[in-house]
Amino acid sequence: MRGLVWRRRAQRKFRERQKQKLAESEGRARDLQLALERLKMEKSALETRNALLEKMAGMKPGDRQPPQIDEVTGRVGAPLLYTSHLLSRMAVYSEDE
């Protein structure tokens, strides 16, 4: 009889450990998925910024207008607006020279 009780208790503990491991794995998978999405968004913003800067590098010195966003990517977003802000500040500094 003692052996039966011991085996049941051992099996219950095993099932509890398995559930805990599964919950931890699922939590880690969620964390990794969120990190992946964040990195994809960051990559997209950097690609857009790079395209704008490459377009800006190809401009003639007398050009005052930075390239239009839709000419480069066709997308509009906060990173693009920030990049446009940086490019406009660069234009101000180049005018001072």
N, C-alpha and C. Protein backbone atom coordinates (compact mmCIF):
# COMPACT_ATOMS: atom_id res chain seq x y z
N MET A 1 0.82 -1.20 0.00
CA MET A 1 0.00 0.00 0.00
C MET A 1 0.86 1.26 0.00
N ARG A 2 1.94 1.24 0.78
CA ARG A 2 2.80 2.42 0.82
C ARG A 2 3.40 2.70 -0.54
N GLY A 3 3.78 1.69 -1.26
CA GLY A 3 4.35 1.86 -2.60
C GLY A 3 3.37 2.54 -3.54
N LEU A 4 2.09 2.20 -3.45
CA LEU A 4 1.07 2.81 -4.30
C LEU A 4 0.92 4.29 -3.99
N VAL A 5 0.89 4.65 -2.72
CA VAL A 5 0.77 6.06 -2.31
C VAL A 5 2.00 6.83 -2.78
N TRP A 6 3.16 6.22 -2.60
CA TRP A 6 4.40 6.89 -3.03
C TRP A 6 4.41 7.12 -4.53
N ARG A 7 4.00 6.13 -5.32
CA ARG A 7 3.98 6.28 -6.78
C ARG A 7 2.98 7.35 -7.22
N ARG A 8 1.82 7.39 -6.59
CA ARG A 8 0.82 8.42 -6.92
C ARG A 8 1.36 9.82 -6.62
N ARG A 9 2.00 9.96 -5.46
CA ARG A 9 2.57 11.25 -5.08
C ARG A 9 3.68 11.64 -6.07
N ALA A 10 4.53 10.69 -6.43
CA ALA A 10 5.60 10.97 -7.39
C ALA A 10 5.03 11.36 -8.74
N GLN A 11 3.98 10.67 -9.17
CA GLN A 11 3.35 11.00 -10.46
C GLN A 11 2.72 12.38 -10.42
N ARG A 12 2.08 12.74 -9.31
CA ARG A 12 1.47 14.07 -9.17
C ARG A 12 2.54 15.16 -9.21
N LYS A 13 3.65 14.95 -8.52
CA LYS A 13 4.74 15.92 -8.55
C LYS A 13 5.31 16.05 -9.96
N PHE A 14 5.43 14.92 -10.64
CA PHE A 14 5.93 14.95 -12.02
C PHE A 14 5.01 15.78 -12.91
N ARG A 15 3.70 15.55 -12.80
CA ARG A 15 2.73 16.32 -13.61
C ARG A 15 2.81 17.81 -13.28
N GLU A 16 2.98 18.15 -12.01
CA GLU A 16 3.09 19.55 -11.60
C GLU A 16 4.35 20.19 -12.21
N ARG A 17 5.46 19.46 -12.17
CA ARG A 17 6.70 19.99 -12.78
C ARG A 17 6.54 20.17 -14.29
N GLN A 18 5.87 19.24 -14.93
CA GLN A 18 5.64 19.34 -16.37
C GLN A 18 4.79 20.58 -16.70
N LYS A 19 3.73 20.80 -15.92
CA LYS A 19 2.89 21.98 -16.13
C LYS A 19 3.69 23.26 -15.93
N GLN A 20 4.54 23.29 -14.91
CA GLN A 20 5.35 24.47 -14.64
C GLN A 20 6.33 24.71 -15.79
N LYS A 21 6.97 23.66 -16.28
CA LYS A 21 7.90 23.81 -17.40
C LYS A 21 7.18 24.32 -18.64
N LEU A 22 5.97 23.79 -18.89
CA LEU A 22 5.20 24.23 -20.05
C LEU A 22 4.83 25.71 -19.92
N ALA A 23 4.40 26.12 -18.75
CA ALA A 23 4.03 27.53 -18.54
C ALA A 23 5.25 28.44 -18.73
N GLU A 24 6.40 28.01 -18.23
CA GLU A 24 7.61 28.81 -18.41
C GLU A 24 8.00 28.90 -19.88
N SER A 25 7.88 27.80 -20.59
CA SER A 25 8.21 27.79 -22.02
C SER A 25 7.27 28.69 -22.82
N GLU A 26 5.99 28.64 -22.49
CA GLU A 26 5.03 29.50 -23.18
C GLU A 26 5.31 30.96 -22.89
N GLY A 27 5.65 31.29 -21.65
CA GLY A 27 5.99 32.68 -21.31
C GLY A 27 7.22 33.15 -22.05
N ARG A 28 8.21 32.29 -22.14
CA ARG A 28 9.43 32.65 -22.87
C ARG A 28 9.13 32.83 -24.36
N ALA A 29 8.27 31.97 -24.90
CA ALA A 29 7.90 32.10 -26.32
C ALA A 29 7.19 33.43 -26.56
N ARG A 30 6.31 33.84 -25.66
CA ARG A 30 5.62 35.14 -25.79
C ARG A 30 6.63 36.27 -25.75
N ASP A 31 7.57 36.21 -24.81
CA ASP A 31 8.59 37.25 -24.69
C ASP A 31 9.42 37.35 -25.97
N LEU A 32 9.81 36.21 -26.50
CA LEU A 32 10.61 36.19 -27.72
C LEU A 32 9.81 36.72 -28.91
N GLN A 33 8.53 36.40 -28.97
CA GLN A 33 7.68 36.89 -30.06
C GLN A 33 7.58 38.41 -30.00
N LEU A 34 7.41 38.97 -28.80
CA LEU A 34 7.35 40.43 -28.65
C LEU A 34 8.68 41.07 -29.05
N ALA A 35 9.78 40.45 -28.65
CA ALA A 35 11.09 40.99 -29.01
C ALA A 35 11.28 40.95 -30.52
N LEU A 36 10.82 39.87 -31.16
CA LEU A 36 10.92 39.76 -32.62
C LEU A 36 10.12 40.86 -33.31
N GLU A 37 8.91 41.10 -32.85
CA GLU A 37 8.08 42.15 -33.45
C GLU A 37 8.74 43.52 -33.28
N ARG A 38 9.30 43.77 -32.10
CA ARG A 38 9.96 45.05 -31.86
C ARG A 38 11.17 45.21 -32.78
N LEU A 39 11.94 44.16 -32.96
CA LEU A 39 13.10 44.22 -33.84
C LEU A 39 12.71 44.39 -35.30
N LYS A 40 11.60 43.78 -35.71
CA LYS A 40 11.12 43.97 -37.09
C LYS A 40 10.74 45.43 -37.33
N MET A 41 10.07 46.04 -36.34
CA MET A 41 9.69 47.44 -36.48
C MET A 41 10.93 48.33 -36.52
N GLU A 42 11.89 48.03 -35.67
CA GLU A 42 13.13 48.82 -35.66
C GLU A 42 13.88 48.67 -36.98
N LYS A 43 13.92 47.46 -37.51
CA LYS A 43 14.58 47.22 -38.80
C LYS A 43 13.90 48.02 -39.91
N SER A 44 12.58 48.01 -39.92
CA SER A 44 11.84 48.75 -40.93
C SER A 44 12.13 50.25 -40.83
N ALA A 45 12.16 50.77 -39.62
CA ALA A 45 12.44 52.20 -39.43
C ALA A 45 13.86 52.53 -39.89
N LEU A 46 14.82 51.65 -39.58
CA LEU A 46 16.20 51.90 -40.00
C LEU A 46 16.36 51.80 -41.52
N GLU A 47 15.64 50.86 -42.14
CA GLU A 47 15.70 50.76 -43.60
C GLU A 47 15.15 52.02 -44.26
N THR A 48 14.06 52.53 -43.70
CA THR A 48 13.46 53.75 -44.23
C THR A 48 14.40 54.93 -44.06
N ARG A 49 14.98 55.03 -42.87
CA ARG A 49 15.92 56.12 -42.60
C ARG A 49 17.12 56.03 -43.54
N ASN A 50 17.62 54.83 -43.75
CA ASN A 50 18.75 54.62 -44.65
C ASN A 50 18.39 55.05 -46.07
N ALA A 51 17.20 54.68 -46.53
CA ALA A 51 16.78 55.06 -47.88
C ALA A 51 16.69 56.58 -48.02
N LEU A 52 16.16 57.24 -46.99
CA LEU A 52 16.07 58.70 -47.03
C LEU A 52 17.46 59.34 -47.04
N LEU A 53 18.36 58.82 -46.22
CA LEU A 53 19.70 59.38 -46.18
C LEU A 53 20.45 59.13 -47.49
N GLU A 54 20.25 57.95 -48.09
CA GLU A 54 20.87 57.69 -49.39
C GLU A 54 20.33 58.64 -50.45
N LYS A 55 19.04 58.89 -50.39
CA LYS A 55 18.43 59.83 -51.33
C LYS A 55 18.99 61.23 -51.09
N MET A 56 19.13 61.60 -49.81
CA MET A 56 19.66 62.91 -49.45
C MET A 56 21.11 63.05 -49.92
N ALA A 57 21.87 61.97 -49.81
CA ALA A 57 23.27 62.01 -50.23
C ALA A 57 23.39 62.23 -51.73
N GLY A 58 22.39 61.82 -52.48
CA GLY A 58 22.41 62.00 -53.92
C GLY A 58 21.93 63.36 -54.38
N MET A 59 21.50 64.22 -53.47
CA MET A 59 21.01 65.54 -53.83
C MET A 59 22.18 66.46 -54.18
N LYS A 60 21.91 67.45 -54.99
CA LYS A 60 22.91 68.46 -55.33
C LYS A 60 23.04 69.44 -54.17
N PRO A 61 24.19 70.07 -54.02
CA PRO A 61 24.39 70.99 -52.89
C PRO A 61 23.38 72.13 -52.85
N GLY A 62 22.88 72.60 -53.97
CA GLY A 62 21.94 73.71 -53.98
C GLY A 62 20.51 73.31 -53.69
N ASP A 63 20.21 72.04 -53.69
CA ASP A 63 18.84 71.58 -53.41
C ASP A 63 18.49 71.86 -51.96
N ARG A 64 17.29 72.41 -51.75
CA ARG A 64 16.87 72.75 -50.40
C ARG A 64 15.84 71.76 -49.86
N GLN A 65 15.07 71.15 -50.73
CA GLN A 65 14.01 70.26 -50.29
C GLN A 65 14.54 68.85 -50.07
N PRO A 66 14.31 68.27 -48.90
CA PRO A 66 14.65 66.86 -48.73
C PRO A 66 13.72 66.01 -49.60
N PRO A 67 14.08 64.81 -49.91
CA PRO A 67 13.22 63.98 -50.76
C PRO A 67 11.88 63.71 -50.09
N GLN A 68 10.86 63.59 -50.92
CA GLN A 68 9.54 63.27 -50.40
C GLN A 68 9.51 61.83 -49.93
N ILE A 69 8.85 61.59 -48.86
CA ILE A 69 8.83 60.25 -48.27
C ILE A 69 8.22 59.24 -49.23
N ASP A 70 7.15 59.62 -49.92
CA ASP A 70 6.51 58.65 -50.80
C ASP A 70 7.37 58.29 -52.01
N GLU A 71 8.33 59.12 -52.37
CA GLU A 71 9.24 58.78 -53.47
C GLU A 71 10.16 57.64 -53.07
N VAL A 72 10.51 57.57 -51.82
CA VAL A 72 11.47 56.58 -51.37
C VAL A 72 10.78 55.28 -50.99
N THR A 73 9.77 55.35 -50.14
CA THR A 73 9.16 54.13 -49.62
C THR A 73 7.65 54.05 -49.80
N GLY A 74 7.00 55.19 -49.92
CA GLY A 74 5.55 55.18 -50.00
C GLY A 74 4.89 55.02 -48.64
N ARG A 75 5.68 55.05 -47.57
CA ARG A 75 5.14 54.87 -46.22
C ARG A 75 5.29 56.15 -45.42
N VAL A 76 4.41 56.30 -44.46
CA VAL A 76 4.49 57.44 -43.54
C VAL A 76 4.40 56.88 -42.13
N GLY A 77 5.24 57.38 -41.24
CA GLY A 77 5.21 56.91 -39.86
C GLY A 77 6.06 57.79 -38.98
N ALA A 78 6.00 57.56 -37.69
CA ALA A 78 6.73 58.38 -36.74
C ALA A 78 8.24 58.38 -37.00
N PRO A 79 8.88 57.22 -37.26
CA PRO A 79 10.31 57.27 -37.54
C PRO A 79 10.64 58.12 -38.76
N LEU A 80 9.75 58.09 -39.76
CA LEU A 80 9.98 58.89 -40.95
C LEU A 80 9.86 60.37 -40.65
N LEU A 81 8.90 60.71 -39.83
CA LEU A 81 8.74 62.11 -39.47
C LEU A 81 9.96 62.60 -38.70
N TYR A 82 10.47 61.77 -37.81
CA TYR A 82 11.67 62.14 -37.06
C TYR A 82 12.85 62.30 -38.01
N THR A 83 12.99 61.39 -38.97
CA THR A 83 14.07 61.47 -39.94
C THR A 83 13.92 62.74 -40.77
N SER A 84 12.70 63.06 -41.18
CA SER A 84 12.48 64.29 -41.94
C SER A 84 12.87 65.51 -41.11
N HIS A 85 12.57 65.45 -39.82
CA HIS A 85 12.96 66.54 -38.92
C HIS A 85 14.48 66.67 -38.90
N LEU A 86 15.19 65.55 -38.79
CA LEU A 86 16.65 65.59 -38.79
C LEU A 86 17.18 66.14 -40.10
N LEU A 87 16.60 65.71 -41.21
CA LEU A 87 17.05 66.18 -42.51
C LEU A 87 16.82 67.69 -42.66
N SER A 88 15.69 68.18 -42.16
CA SER A 88 15.43 69.62 -42.25
C SER A 88 16.43 70.39 -41.38
N ARG A 89 16.81 69.83 -40.24
CA ARG A 89 17.82 70.49 -39.40
C ARG A 89 19.17 70.49 -40.10
N MET A 90 19.48 69.40 -40.83
CA MET A 90 20.73 69.35 -41.58
C MET A 90 20.74 70.43 -42.65
N ALA A 91 19.59 70.67 -43.27
CA ALA A 91 19.50 71.69 -44.31
C ALA A 91 19.76 73.07 -43.72
N VAL A 92 19.27 73.33 -42.51
CA VAL A 92 19.49 74.62 -41.85
C VAL A 92 20.98 74.83 -41.60
N TYR A 93 21.66 73.79 -41.11
CA TYR A 93 23.09 73.91 -40.84
C TYR A 93 23.88 74.12 -42.12
N SER A 94 23.47 73.47 -43.20
CA SER A 94 24.21 73.64 -44.45
C SER A 94 24.01 75.03 -45.04
N GLU A 95 22.87 75.67 -44.75
CA GLU A 95 22.63 77.02 -45.24
C GLU A 95 23.51 78.02 -44.52
N ASP A 96 23.87 77.75 -43.27
CA ASP A 96 24.69 78.67 -42.49
C ASP A 96 26.14 78.71 -43.00
N GLU A 97 26.57 77.66 -43.64
CA GLU A 97 27.97 77.60 -44.10
C GLU A 97 28.22 78.48 -45.28
